[in-house]
Amino acid sequence: MSAEQPNNALHNITLEKLLTELIDTYGWKILGEQIRIRCFTDNPSLKSSLKFLRKTPWAREKVENLYVLMLWDKERKADEEQTH
């Protein structure tokens, strides 16, 4: 039985969706600069990055944290646009 998690930004987000959104927002170059792991800097691909992140909890945590920051930044920018 799964509990509702309305305040969890990662609830119901797959790793593939999360990584795809990060790539679309930042691109591989900036992603590799933000999180220094080889799967983002040396011949990056979605498939190889997903494989690595599924096996490496510390790297996955960094990616999830960057995703939450990206969401927060998008919300902040949307709020600023509404007030102007």
C-alpha atoms as a PDB file:
ATOM      1  CA  MET A   1       0.000   0.000   0.000  1.00  0.00           C
ATOM      2  CA  SER A   2       1.516   3.315  -1.025  1.00  0.00           C
ATOM      3  CA  ALA A   3       0.896   6.461   0.981  1.00  0.00           C
ATOM      4  CA  GLU A   4       0.045   9.738  -0.706  1.00  0.00           C
ATOM      5  CA  GLN A   5       3.039  12.056  -0.977  1.00  0.00           C
ATOM      6  CA  PRO A   6       1.696  15.407  -2.159  1.00  0.00           C
ATOM      7  CA  ASN A   7       4.830  17.347  -1.157  1.00  0.00           C
ATOM      8  CA  ASN A   8       7.342  14.892  -2.641  1.00  0.00           C
ATOM      9  CA  ALA A   9       8.556  16.293  -5.967  1.00  0.00           C
ATOM     10  CA  LEU A  10       9.834  12.859  -6.981  1.00  0.00           C
ATOM     11  CA  HIS A  11       6.578  11.003  -6.326  1.00  0.00           C
ATOM     12  CA  ASN A  12       5.456   9.101  -9.455  1.00  0.00           C
ATOM     13  CA  ILE A  13       8.440  10.385 -11.484  1.00  0.00           C
ATOM     14  CA  THR A  14      10.488   7.692 -13.192  1.00  0.00           C
ATOM     15  CA  LEU A  15      14.244   8.017 -13.377  1.00  0.00           C
ATOM     16  CA  GLU A  16      13.987   8.111 -17.164  1.00  0.00           C
ATOM     17  CA  LYS A  17      11.477  11.000 -17.110  1.00  0.00           C
ATOM     18  CA  LEU A  18      13.536  12.860 -14.530  1.00  0.00           C
ATOM     19  CA  LEU A  19      16.761  12.497 -16.523  1.00  0.00           C
ATOM     20  CA  THR A  20      15.054  13.365 -19.805  1.00  0.00           C
ATOM     21  CA  GLU A  21      13.718  16.608 -18.315  1.00  0.00           C
ATOM     22  CA  LEU A  22      17.167  17.497 -16.989  1.00  0.00           C
ATOM     23  CA  ILE A  23      18.730  16.859 -20.399  1.00  0.00           C
ATOM     24  CA  ASP A  24      16.033  18.910 -22.140  1.00  0.00           C
ATOM     25  CA  THR A  25      16.508  21.777 -19.684  1.00  0.00           C
ATOM     26  CA  TYR A  26      20.299  21.838 -19.311  1.00  0.00           C
ATOM     27  CA  GLY A  27      21.785  19.649 -22.037  1.00  0.00           C
ATOM     28  CA  TRP A  28      24.538  17.093 -21.515  1.00  0.00           C
ATOM     29  CA  LYS A  29      27.336  19.666 -21.250  1.00  0.00           C
ATOM     30  CA  ILE A  30      25.836  21.615 -18.359  1.00  0.00           C
ATOM     31  CA  LEU A  31      24.555  18.430 -16.727  1.00  0.00           C
ATOM     32  CA  GLY A  32      28.125  17.068 -16.793  1.00  0.00           C
ATOM     33  CA  GLU A  33      29.424  20.305 -15.286  1.00  0.00           C
ATOM     34  CA  GLN A  34      26.814  20.253 -12.505  1.00  0.00           C
ATOM     35  CA  ILE A  35      27.234  16.559 -11.705  1.00  0.00           C
ATOM     36  CA  ARG A  36      30.705  15.333 -12.561  1.00  0.00           C
ATOM     37  CA  ILE A  37      30.157  11.731 -13.567  1.00  0.00           C
ATOM     38  CA  ARG A  38      31.563  10.165 -16.695  1.00  0.00           C
ATOM     39  CA  CYS A  39      28.230   8.969 -18.063  1.00  0.00           C
ATOM     40  CA  PHE A  40      27.327  12.669 -18.505  1.00  0.00           C
ATOM     41  CA  THR A  41      30.654  13.844 -19.914  1.00  0.00           C
ATOM     42  CA  ASP A  42      32.158  11.038 -22.019  1.00  0.00           C
ATOM     43  CA  ASN A  43      29.950  10.027 -24.943  1.00  0.00           C
ATOM     44  CA  PRO A  44      26.713  10.507 -22.945  1.00  0.00           C
ATOM     45  CA  SER A  45      23.522   8.631 -23.736  1.00  0.00           C
ATOM     46  CA  LEU A  46      20.243   8.214 -21.952  1.00  0.00           C
ATOM     47  CA  LYS A  47      20.582   4.422 -21.883  1.00  0.00           C
ATOM     48  CA  SER A  48      24.091   4.321 -20.388  1.00  0.00           C
ATOM     49  CA  SER A  49      23.267   7.056 -17.880  1.00  0.00           C
ATOM     50  CA  LEU A  50      20.128   5.254 -16.685  1.00  0.00           C
ATOM     51  CA  LYS A  51      22.085   2.025 -16.291  1.00  0.00           C
ATOM     52  CA  PHE A  52      24.757   3.775 -14.213  1.00  0.00           C
ATOM     53  CA  LEU A  53      22.293   5.738 -12.077  1.00  0.00           C
ATOM     54  CA  ARG A  54      20.246   2.636 -11.267  1.00  0.00           C
ATOM     55  CA  LYS A  55      23.380   0.948  -9.900  1.00  0.00           C
ATOM     56  CA  THR A  56      24.898   3.964  -8.121  1.00  0.00           C
ATOM     57  CA  PRO A  57      22.807   5.436  -5.284  1.00  0.00           C
ATOM     58  CA  TRP A  58      25.077   8.427  -4.588  1.00  0.00           C
ATOM     59  CA  ALA A  59      24.948   9.543  -8.236  1.00  0.00           C
ATOM     60  CA  ARG A  60      21.207   9.026  -8.427  1.00  0.00           C
ATOM     61  CA  GLU A  61      20.768  11.164  -5.315  1.00  0.00           C
ATOM     62  CA  LYS A  62      22.734  14.005  -6.939  1.00  0.00           C
ATOM     63  CA  VAL A  63      20.574  13.783 -10.069  1.00  0.00           C
ATOM     64  CA  GLU A  64      17.371  13.754  -8.005  1.00  0.00           C
ATOM     65  CA  ASN A  65      18.560  16.796  -6.028  1.00  0.00           C
ATOM     66  CA  LEU A  66      19.328  18.694  -9.237  1.00  0.00           C
ATOM     67  CA  TYR A  67      15.875  17.776 -10.561  1.00  0.00           C
ATOM     68  CA  VAL A  68      14.196  19.176  -7.436  1.00  0.00           C
ATOM     69  CA  LEU A  69      16.241  22.379  -7.786  1.00  0.00           C
ATOM     70  CA  MET A  70      15.226  22.625 -11.443  1.00  0.00           C
ATOM     71  CA  LEU A  71      11.548  22.305 -10.490  1.00  0.00           C
ATOM     72  CA  TRP A  72      11.920  24.907  -7.763  1.00  0.00           C
ATOM     73  CA  ASP A  73      13.625  27.307 -10.189  1.00  0.00           C
ATOM     74  CA  LYS A  74      10.875  26.824 -12.797  1.00  0.00           C
ATOM     75  CA  GLU A  75       8.186  27.494 -10.175  1.00  0.00           C
ATOM     76  CA  ARG A  76      10.011  30.604  -8.960  1.00  0.00           C
ATOM     77  CA  LYS A  77      10.316  31.965 -12.505  1.00  0.00           C
ATOM     78  CA  ALA A  78       6.633  31.255 -13.175  1.00  0.00           C
ATOM     79  CA  ASP A  79       5.670  33.085  -9.981  1.00  0.00           C
ATOM     80  CA  GLU A  80       7.816  36.074 -10.989  1.00  0.00           C
ATOM     81  CA  GLU A  81       6.143  36.228 -14.397  1.00  0.00           C
ATOM     82  CA  GLN A  82       2.690  36.233 -12.780  1.00  0.00           C
ATOM     83  CA  THR A  83       3.566  39.148 -10.477  1.00  0.00           C
ATOM     84  CA  HIS A  84       4.947  41.299 -13.307  1.00  0.00           C
END
